[in-house]
Amino acid sequence: MQVQWRRAKVLELSSQGYTQIEIATQLQVDEPTISRDLACLRQEAQENLQKHIHETVPEEYQKCMVGMKRNLKETLEIADTASDPKIKLQARAIANDCYKFILDMSTNAGIVSDALKYVAQKTETIQKLDERIINEETEEEITTNGVF
């Protein structure tokens, strides 16, 4: 529990612009502990982002696309059945907006797909960097504390 509380405080203070030294001083722990906490928080953030990108974004994209196509269909039906020319024109204008939105979503889907691939490729690199940072901090702590 204490570790979770400390990491929550580290995140809070870091988000407020405090340096690692300032956070360590305020929480009365050593800097390597803060560095490890920040590395852990980065890893958690990476995992949360991965989950969001792989689960939430595709689902919301699909719901939005289905909803826009339904809106388009209903708008075109109104345009076809309306007797008032003003309503027909308004419905056609809304239909054009729907077409633009659907086209934008369709072309940006490639961007989302590319982003997913990019994130997946970089995850391993980030994990290796985090491991390297933790290893360097551990070596520094051992050297600083005189433990061989």
C-alpha atoms as a PDB file:
ATOM      1  CA  MET A   1       0.000   0.000   0.000  1.00  0.00           C
ATOM      2  CA  GLN A   2       2.820   2.390   0.861  1.00  0.00           C
ATOM      3  CA  VAL A   3       4.398   1.907  -2.565  1.00  0.00           C
ATOM      4  CA  GLN A   4       1.093   2.651  -4.306  1.00  0.00           C
ATOM      5  CA  TRP A   5       0.606   5.782  -2.204  1.00  0.00           C
ATOM      6  CA  ARG A   6       4.175   6.955  -2.915  1.00  0.00           C
ATOM      7  CA  ARG A   7       3.810   6.357  -6.647  1.00  0.00           C
ATOM      8  CA  ALA A   8       0.544   8.278  -6.663  1.00  0.00           C
ATOM      9  CA  LYS A   9       2.332  11.170  -4.939  1.00  0.00           C
ATOM     10  CA  VAL A  10       5.285  10.893  -7.351  1.00  0.00           C
ATOM     11  CA  LEU A  11       2.886  11.111 -10.288  1.00  0.00           C
ATOM     12  CA  GLU A  12       1.051  14.038  -8.739  1.00  0.00           C
ATOM     13  CA  LEU A  13       4.234  15.982  -7.968  1.00  0.00           C
ATOM     14  CA  SER A  14       5.808  15.144 -11.319  1.00  0.00           C
ATOM     15  CA  SER A  15       2.695  16.393 -13.111  1.00  0.00           C
ATOM     16  CA  GLN A  16       3.041  19.636 -11.157  1.00  0.00           C
ATOM     17  CA  GLY A  17       6.542  20.130 -12.532  1.00  0.00           C
ATOM     18  CA  TYR A  18       8.627  19.027  -9.562  1.00  0.00           C
ATOM     19  CA  THR A  19      12.046  17.545 -10.367  1.00  0.00           C
ATOM     20  CA  GLN A  20      13.090  14.115  -9.166  1.00  0.00           C
ATOM     21  CA  ILE A  21      15.321  15.718  -6.536  1.00  0.00           C
ATOM     22  CA  GLU A  22      12.445  17.881  -5.279  1.00  0.00           C
ATOM     23  CA  ILE A  23      10.100  14.900  -5.178  1.00  0.00           C
ATOM     24  CA  ALA A  24      12.655  12.791  -3.309  1.00  0.00           C
ATOM     25  CA  THR A  25      13.175  15.592  -0.797  1.00  0.00           C
ATOM     26  CA  GLN A  26       9.468  16.157  -0.278  1.00  0.00           C
ATOM     27  CA  LEU A  27       8.718  12.434   0.139  1.00  0.00           C
ATOM     28  CA  GLN A  28      11.898  11.839   2.144  1.00  0.00           C
ATOM     29  CA  VAL A  29      13.188   9.002  -0.025  1.00  0.00           C
ATOM     30  CA  ASP A  30      16.298   8.662  -2.170  1.00  0.00           C
ATOM     31  CA  GLU A  31      16.421   9.689  -5.830  1.00  0.00           C
ATOM     32  CA  PRO A  32      16.876   6.151  -7.230  1.00  0.00           C
ATOM     33  CA  THR A  33      13.559   5.219  -5.605  1.00  0.00           C
ATOM     34  CA  ILE A  34      11.866   8.118  -7.383  1.00  0.00           C
ATOM     35  CA  SER A  35      13.544   7.102 -10.659  1.00  0.00           C
ATOM     36  CA  ARG A  36      12.254   3.541 -10.274  1.00  0.00           C
ATOM     37  CA  ASP A  37       8.784   4.843  -9.426  1.00  0.00           C
ATOM     38  CA  LEU A  38       8.769   7.040 -12.532  1.00  0.00           C
ATOM     39  CA  ALA A  39       9.942   4.106 -14.678  1.00  0.00           C
ATOM     40  CA  CYS A  40       7.128   1.991 -13.252  1.00  0.00           C
ATOM     41  CA  LEU A  41       4.611   4.783 -13.883  1.00  0.00           C
ATOM     42  CA  ARG A  42       5.838   5.115 -17.475  1.00  0.00           C
ATOM     43  CA  GLN A  43       5.387   1.372 -17.970  1.00  0.00           C
ATOM     44  CA  GLU A  44       1.850   1.513 -16.543  1.00  0.00           C
ATOM     45  CA  ALA A  45       1.037   4.459 -18.787  1.00  0.00           C
ATOM     46  CA  GLN A  46       2.393   2.572 -21.803  1.00  0.00           C
ATOM     47  CA  GLU A  47       0.242  -0.458 -20.969  1.00  0.00           C
ATOM     48  CA  ASN A  48      -2.846   1.720 -20.469  1.00  0.00           C
ATOM     49  CA  LEU A  49      -2.211   3.463 -23.776  1.00  0.00           C
ATOM     50  CA  GLN A  50      -1.754   0.130 -25.557  1.00  0.00           C
ATOM     51  CA  LYS A  51      -5.054  -1.117 -24.146  1.00  0.00           C
ATOM     52  CA  HIS A  52      -6.806   2.101 -25.159  1.00  0.00           C
ATOM     53  CA  ILE A  53      -5.382   1.996 -28.696  1.00  0.00           C
ATOM     54  CA  HIS A  54      -6.088  -1.693 -29.245  1.00  0.00           C
ATOM     55  CA  GLU A  55      -9.467  -1.981 -27.534  1.00  0.00           C
ATOM     56  CA  THR A  56     -11.229   1.353 -27.110  1.00  0.00           C
ATOM     57  CA  VAL A  57     -10.278   3.190 -30.300  1.00  0.00           C
ATOM     58  CA  PRO A  58     -11.347   0.461 -32.777  1.00  0.00           C
ATOM     59  CA  GLU A  59     -14.655  -0.064 -30.969  1.00  0.00           C
ATOM     60  CA  GLU A  60     -15.446   3.648 -30.869  1.00  0.00           C
ATOM     61  CA  TYR A  61     -14.396   3.992 -34.516  1.00  0.00           C
ATOM     62  CA  GLN A  62     -16.777   1.227 -35.508  1.00  0.00           C
ATOM     63  CA  LYS A  63     -19.673   2.681 -33.489  1.00  0.00           C
ATOM     64  CA  CYS A  64     -19.088   6.111 -34.969  1.00  0.00           C
ATOM     65  CA  MET A  65     -18.943   4.788 -38.536  1.00  0.00           C
ATOM     66  CA  VAL A  66     -22.180   2.795 -38.097  1.00  0.00           C
ATOM     67  CA  GLY A  67     -23.877   5.833 -36.560  1.00  0.00           C
ATOM     68  CA  MET A  68     -22.756   8.142 -39.365  1.00  0.00           C
ATOM     69  CA  LYS A  69     -23.984   5.741 -42.040  1.00  0.00           C
ATOM     70  CA  ARG A  70     -27.344   5.507 -40.268  1.00  0.00           C
ATOM     71  CA  ASN A  71     -27.527   9.307 -40.091  1.00  0.00           C
ATOM     72  CA  LEU A  72     -26.691   9.490 -43.795  1.00  0.00           C
ATOM     73  CA  LYS A  73     -29.409   6.980 -44.691  1.00  0.00           C
ATOM     74  CA  GLU A  74     -32.076   8.777 -42.644  1.00  0.00           C
ATOM     75  CA  THR A  75     -31.032  12.185 -43.961  1.00  0.00           C
ATOM     76  CA  LEU A  76     -31.250  10.985 -47.569  1.00  0.00           C
ATOM     77  CA  GLU A  77     -34.692   9.507 -46.871  1.00  0.00           C
ATOM     78  CA  ILE A  78     -35.835  12.883 -45.526  1.00  0.00           C
ATOM     79  CA  ALA A  79     -34.383  14.626 -48.596  1.00  0.00           C
ATOM     80  CA  ASP A  80     -36.209  12.213 -50.901  1.00  0.00           C
ATOM     81  CA  THR A  81     -39.592  12.391 -49.157  1.00  0.00           C
ATOM     82  CA  ALA A  82     -39.759  16.041 -48.094  1.00  0.00           C
ATOM     83  CA  SER A  83     -42.150  18.245 -50.040  1.00  0.00           C
ATOM     84  CA  ASP A  84     -40.686  21.542 -48.791  1.00  0.00           C
ATOM     85  CA  PRO A  85     -37.688  22.588 -50.950  1.00  0.00           C
ATOM     86  CA  LYS A  86     -35.963  24.188 -47.934  1.00  0.00           C
ATOM     87  CA  ILE A  87     -36.113  20.920 -46.001  1.00  0.00           C
ATOM     88  CA  LYS A  88     -34.808  19.030 -49.040  1.00  0.00           C
ATOM     89  CA  LEU A  89     -31.832  21.420 -49.304  1.00  0.00           C
ATOM     90  CA  GLN A  90     -31.112  21.248 -45.572  1.00  0.00           C
ATOM     91  CA  ALA A  91     -31.241  17.452 -45.649  1.00  0.00           C
ATOM     92  CA  ARG A  92     -28.900  17.375 -48.676  1.00  0.00           C
ATOM     93  CA  ALA A  93     -26.477  19.711 -46.889  1.00  0.00           C
ATOM     94  CA  ILE A  94     -26.487  17.422 -43.845  1.00  0.00           C
ATOM     95  CA  ALA A  95     -25.989  14.409 -46.140  1.00  0.00           C
ATOM     96  CA  ASN A  96     -22.950  16.124 -47.675  1.00  0.00           C
ATOM     97  CA  ASP A  97     -21.549  16.663 -44.185  1.00  0.00           C
ATOM     98  CA  CYS A  98     -22.119  12.972 -43.450  1.00  0.00           C
ATOM     99  CA  TYR A  99     -20.279  11.995 -46.644  1.00  0.00           C
ATOM    100  CA  LYS A 100     -17.366  14.248 -45.694  1.00  0.00           C
ATOM    101  CA  PHE A 101     -17.212  12.809 -42.195  1.00  0.00           C
ATOM    102  CA  ILE A 102     -17.364   9.207 -43.452  1.00  0.00           C
ATOM    103  CA  LEU A 103     -14.641   9.917 -46.006  1.00  0.00           C
ATOM    104  CA  ASP A 104     -12.506  11.571 -43.351  1.00  0.00           C
ATOM    105  CA  MET A 105     -12.941   8.598 -41.033  1.00  0.00           C
ATOM    106  CA  SER A 106     -12.161   6.175 -43.843  1.00  0.00           C
ATOM    107  CA  THR A 107      -8.971   7.916 -44.882  1.00  0.00           C
ATOM    108  CA  ASN A 108      -7.864   8.502 -41.293  1.00  0.00           C
ATOM    109  CA  ALA A 109      -8.385   4.818 -40.529  1.00  0.00           C
ATOM    110  CA  GLY A 110      -5.088   4.277 -42.306  1.00  0.00           C
ATOM    111  CA  ILE A 111      -3.499   6.746 -39.948  1.00  0.00           C
ATOM    112  CA  VAL A 112      -4.935   4.896 -36.952  1.00  0.00           C
ATOM    113  CA  SER A 113      -3.670   1.598 -38.352  1.00  0.00           C
ATOM    114  CA  ASP A 114      -0.216   3.069 -38.921  1.00  0.00           C
ATOM    115  CA  ALA A 115      -0.232   4.460 -35.392  1.00  0.00           C
ATOM    116  CA  LEU A 116      -1.109   1.031 -33.990  1.00  0.00           C
ATOM    117  CA  LYS A 117       1.783  -0.543 -35.886  1.00  0.00           C
ATOM    118  CA  TYR A 118       4.150   2.207 -34.796  1.00  0.00           C
ATOM    119  CA  VAL A 119       3.176   1.840 -31.141  1.00  0.00           C
ATOM    120  CA  ALA A 120       3.584  -1.929 -31.302  1.00  0.00           C
ATOM    121  CA  GLN A 121       7.041  -1.587 -32.872  1.00  0.00           C
ATOM    122  CA  LYS A 122       8.194   0.984 -30.353  1.00  0.00           C
ATOM    123  CA  THR A 123       6.905  -0.837 -27.279  1.00  0.00           C
ATOM    124  CA  GLU A 124       9.850  -3.213 -27.249  1.00  0.00           C
ATOM    125  CA  THR A 125      12.300  -0.350 -27.695  1.00  0.00           C
ATOM    126  CA  ILE A 126      10.742   1.571 -24.816  1.00  0.00           C
ATOM    127  CA  GLN A 127      10.798  -1.496 -22.583  1.00  0.00           C
ATOM    128  CA  LYS A 128      14.486  -2.039 -23.342  1.00  0.00           C
ATOM    129  CA  LEU A 129      15.246   1.599 -22.545  1.00  0.00           C
ATOM    130  CA  ASP A 130      13.315   1.394 -19.273  1.00  0.00           C
ATOM    131  CA  GLU A 131      15.225  -1.767 -18.327  1.00  0.00           C
ATOM    132  CA  ARG A 132      18.508  -0.048 -19.164  1.00  0.00           C
ATOM    133  CA  ILE A 133      17.564   2.969 -17.022  1.00  0.00           C
ATOM    134  CA  ILE A 134      16.614   0.737 -14.090  1.00  0.00           C
ATOM    135  CA  ASN A 135      19.855  -1.229 -14.445  1.00  0.00           C
ATOM    136  CA  GLU A 136      21.924   1.972 -14.552  1.00  0.00           C
ATOM    137  CA  GLU A 137      20.103   3.338 -11.506  1.00  0.00           C
ATOM    138  CA  THR A 138      20.667   0.077  -9.636  1.00  0.00           C
ATOM    139  CA  GLU A 139      24.375   0.168 -10.486  1.00  0.00           C
ATOM    140  CA  GLU A 140      24.516   3.809  -9.383  1.00  0.00           C
ATOM    141  CA  GLU A 141      22.754   2.972  -6.128  1.00  0.00           C
ATOM    142  CA  ILE A 142      25.171   0.127  -5.467  1.00  0.00           C
ATOM    143  CA  THR A 143      28.135   2.403  -6.159  1.00  0.00           C
ATOM    144  CA  THR A 144      26.713   5.254  -4.065  1.00  0.00           C
ATOM    145  CA  ASN A 145      25.869   3.047  -1.097  1.00  0.00           C
ATOM    146  CA  GLY A 146      29.213   1.285  -1.257  1.00  0.00           C
ATOM    147  CA  VAL A 147      27.698  -2.133  -1.828  1.00  0.00           C
ATOM    148  CA  PHE A 148      29.732  -4.288  -4.176  1.00  0.00           C
END
